[in-house]
């Protein structure tokens, strides 16, 4: 009986660790699905502190500046982050994230089960997607 209990406890503990690791990985990993995302950023890791691109380049965030955003005239729940050290890193295929200056803000929102990421170069926090210099689409 003791062997059965030990085996059961080990199996439960093992499945908990696997579930936790799986949930953490899936939560932060995004697969590029749009043509621009595949050719510029590749797959990404994204959380409340930074975005890391497939080639290992990272932009860190200094903070969340808004939790809503205007997309095509409609307000949606979103996360708008300020980049702590603005930049436009060289990414996949020698492409740059924005191509027209240092990225200062990054917005992320859900669009029918896909995650959209928009990048901005302005000095002021963006309020809508009309101000973006580029956008990328991912699946989680």
Protein backbone atom coordinates (compact mmCIF):
# COMPACT_ATOMS: atom_id res chain seq x y z
CA UNK A 1 0.00 0.00 0.00
CA UNK A 2 2.84 2.40 0.86
CA UNK A 3 4.39 1.88 -2.61
CA UNK A 4 1.09 2.75 -4.25
CA UNK A 5 0.74 5.95 -2.17
CA UNK A 6 4.33 6.98 -2.94
CA UNK A 7 3.78 6.37 -6.65
CA UNK A 8 0.53 8.32 -6.61
CA UNK A 9 2.13 11.30 -4.84
CA UNK A 10 5.05 11.26 -7.30
CA UNK A 11 2.70 11.13 -10.29
CA UNK A 12 0.59 14.01 -8.97
CA UNK A 13 3.65 16.15 -8.21
CA UNK A 14 5.11 15.42 -11.62
CA UNK A 15 1.90 16.37 -13.43
CA UNK A 16 1.67 19.61 -11.41
CA UNK A 17 5.20 20.63 -12.42
CA UNK A 18 4.52 19.80 -16.06
CA UNK A 19 1.25 21.78 -15.97
CA UNK A 20 2.90 24.80 -14.37
CA UNK A 21 5.79 24.79 -16.85
CA UNK A 22 3.42 24.39 -19.77
CA UNK A 23 1.15 27.21 -18.60
CA UNK A 24 4.06 29.62 -18.10
CA UNK A 25 5.58 28.89 -21.49
CA UNK A 26 2.30 29.19 -23.38
CA UNK A 27 1.35 32.37 -21.58
CA UNK A 28 4.39 34.31 -22.78
CA UNK A 29 5.10 32.71 -26.17
CA UNK A 30 3.58 34.08 -29.36
CA UNK A 31 3.86 32.52 -32.82
CA UNK A 32 4.16 34.91 -35.76
CA UNK A 33 1.22 34.48 -38.17
CA UNK A 34 1.15 37.64 -40.30
CA UNK A 35 3.59 38.06 -43.16
CA UNK A 36 5.16 41.08 -41.48
CA UNK A 37 5.57 39.25 -38.17
CA UNK A 38 7.16 36.23 -39.87
CA UNK A 39 9.60 38.34 -41.90
CA UNK A 40 10.45 41.00 -39.31
CA UNK A 41 10.06 39.78 -35.71
CA UNK A 42 9.69 36.03 -35.95
CA UNK A 43 8.09 34.41 -32.90
CA UNK A 44 8.22 36.50 -29.73
CA UNK A 45 8.18 36.28 -25.95
CA UNK A 46 5.98 39.04 -24.51
CA UNK A 47 5.03 39.94 -20.94
CA UNK A 48 4.47 43.01 -18.77
CA UNK A 49 8.19 43.76 -18.61
CA UNK A 50 9.60 43.25 -22.11
CA UNK A 51 9.30 41.87 -25.60
CA UNK A 52 11.96 39.49 -26.92
CA UNK A 53 12.22 38.75 -30.61
CA UNK A 54 13.20 35.47 -32.27
CA UNK A 55 16.80 36.64 -32.82
CA UNK A 56 17.19 37.38 -29.09
CA UNK A 57 16.94 41.19 -29.23
CA UNK A 58 14.82 42.67 -26.43
CA UNK A 59 13.00 45.90 -25.70
CA UNK A 60 12.30 46.44 -21.99
CA UNK A 61 9.27 48.37 -20.73
CA UNK A 62 9.37 51.08 -18.09
CA UNK A 63 5.68 50.62 -17.36
CA UNK A 64 2.10 50.18 -18.46
CA UNK A 65 0.68 53.56 -19.49
CA UNK A 66 -2.85 52.58 -20.62
CA UNK A 67 -5.21 49.62 -20.46
CA UNK A 68 -7.51 50.63 -23.31
CA UNK A 69 -6.79 51.64 -26.88
CA UNK A 70 -8.75 52.86 -29.92
CA UNK A 71 -8.62 50.36 -32.81
CA UNK A 72 -10.31 51.46 -36.02
CA UNK A 73 -12.51 53.88 -34.06
CA UNK A 74 -13.53 51.39 -31.34
CA UNK A 75 -12.18 51.34 -27.77
CA UNK A 76 -10.78 47.92 -26.86
CA UNK A 77 -9.06 46.45 -23.80
CA UNK A 78 -5.33 46.66 -24.48
CA UNK A 79 -1.94 47.08 -22.88
CA UNK A 80 0.13 50.08 -23.90
CA UNK A 81 3.72 49.99 -22.65
CA UNK A 82 6.40 52.65 -22.66
CA UNK A 83 9.79 51.36 -23.86
CA UNK A 84 12.45 52.14 -21.25
CA UNK A 85 15.28 52.63 -23.77
CA UNK A 86 13.74 53.48 -27.17
CA UNK A 87 15.30 51.71 -30.11
CA UNK A 88 14.65 50.09 -33.46
CA UNK A 89 16.63 46.84 -33.33
CA UNK A 90 17.74 44.91 -36.39
CA UNK A 91 15.60 41.78 -36.46
CA UNK A 92 14.91 38.96 -38.94
CA UNK A 93 16.21 39.36 -42.50
CA UNK A 94 17.96 42.63 -41.47
CA UNK A 95 14.55 44.27 -41.00
CA UNK A 96 13.82 46.78 -38.26
CA UNK A 97 10.79 46.78 -35.99
CA UNK A 98 9.60 50.19 -37.14
CA UNK A 99 12.05 51.29 -39.82
CA UNK A 100 11.40 54.98 -39.19
CA UNK A 101 12.92 55.75 -35.80
CA UNK A 102 13.26 54.52 -32.25
CA UNK A 103 10.26 52.64 -30.88
CA UNK A 104 8.96 54.45 -27.79
CA UNK A 105 5.66 52.62 -27.13
CA UNK A 106 4.24 49.16 -27.82
CA UNK A 107 0.54 48.29 -27.68
CA UNK A 108 -0.93 44.80 -27.50
CA UNK A 109 -4.58 43.72 -27.84
CA UNK A 110 -6.69 40.73 -28.75
CA UNK A 111 -8.43 40.57 -32.11
CA UNK A 112 -10.68 37.53 -32.50
CA UNK A 113 -8.26 35.19 -30.72
CA UNK A 114 -5.13 36.63 -32.28
CA UNK A 115 -2.75 38.97 -30.53
CA UNK A 116 -1.87 42.20 -32.29
CA UNK A 117 1.23 44.19 -31.44
CA UNK A 118 1.62 47.75 -32.71
CA UNK A 119 4.75 49.88 -32.41
CA UNK A 120 5.03 53.66 -32.11
CA UNK A 121 7.76 56.29 -32.31
CA UNK A 122 6.10 59.37 -30.78
CA UNK A 123 7.00 61.18 -27.58
CA UNK A 124 3.46 60.90 -26.20
CA UNK A 125 1.63 57.68 -25.37
CA UNK A 126 -0.49 56.60 -28.36
CA UNK A 127 -4.25 56.50 -28.00
CA UNK A 128 -5.10 54.73 -31.27
CA UNK A 129 -3.73 52.45 -33.96
CA UNK A 130 -3.78 55.37 -36.42
CA UNK A 131 -0.46 56.53 -34.95
CA UNK A 132 1.46 53.25 -35.37
CA UNK A 133 4.46 52.78 -37.62
CA UNK A 134 3.93 49.00 -37.89
CA UNK A 135 1.76 46.14 -36.59
CA UNK A 136 2.30 42.41 -36.23
CA UNK A 137 -0.10 39.51 -35.67
CA UNK A 138 0.56 36.46 -33.46
CA UNK A 139 -1.17 33.44 -32.01
CA UNK A 140 -0.56 32.29 -28.50
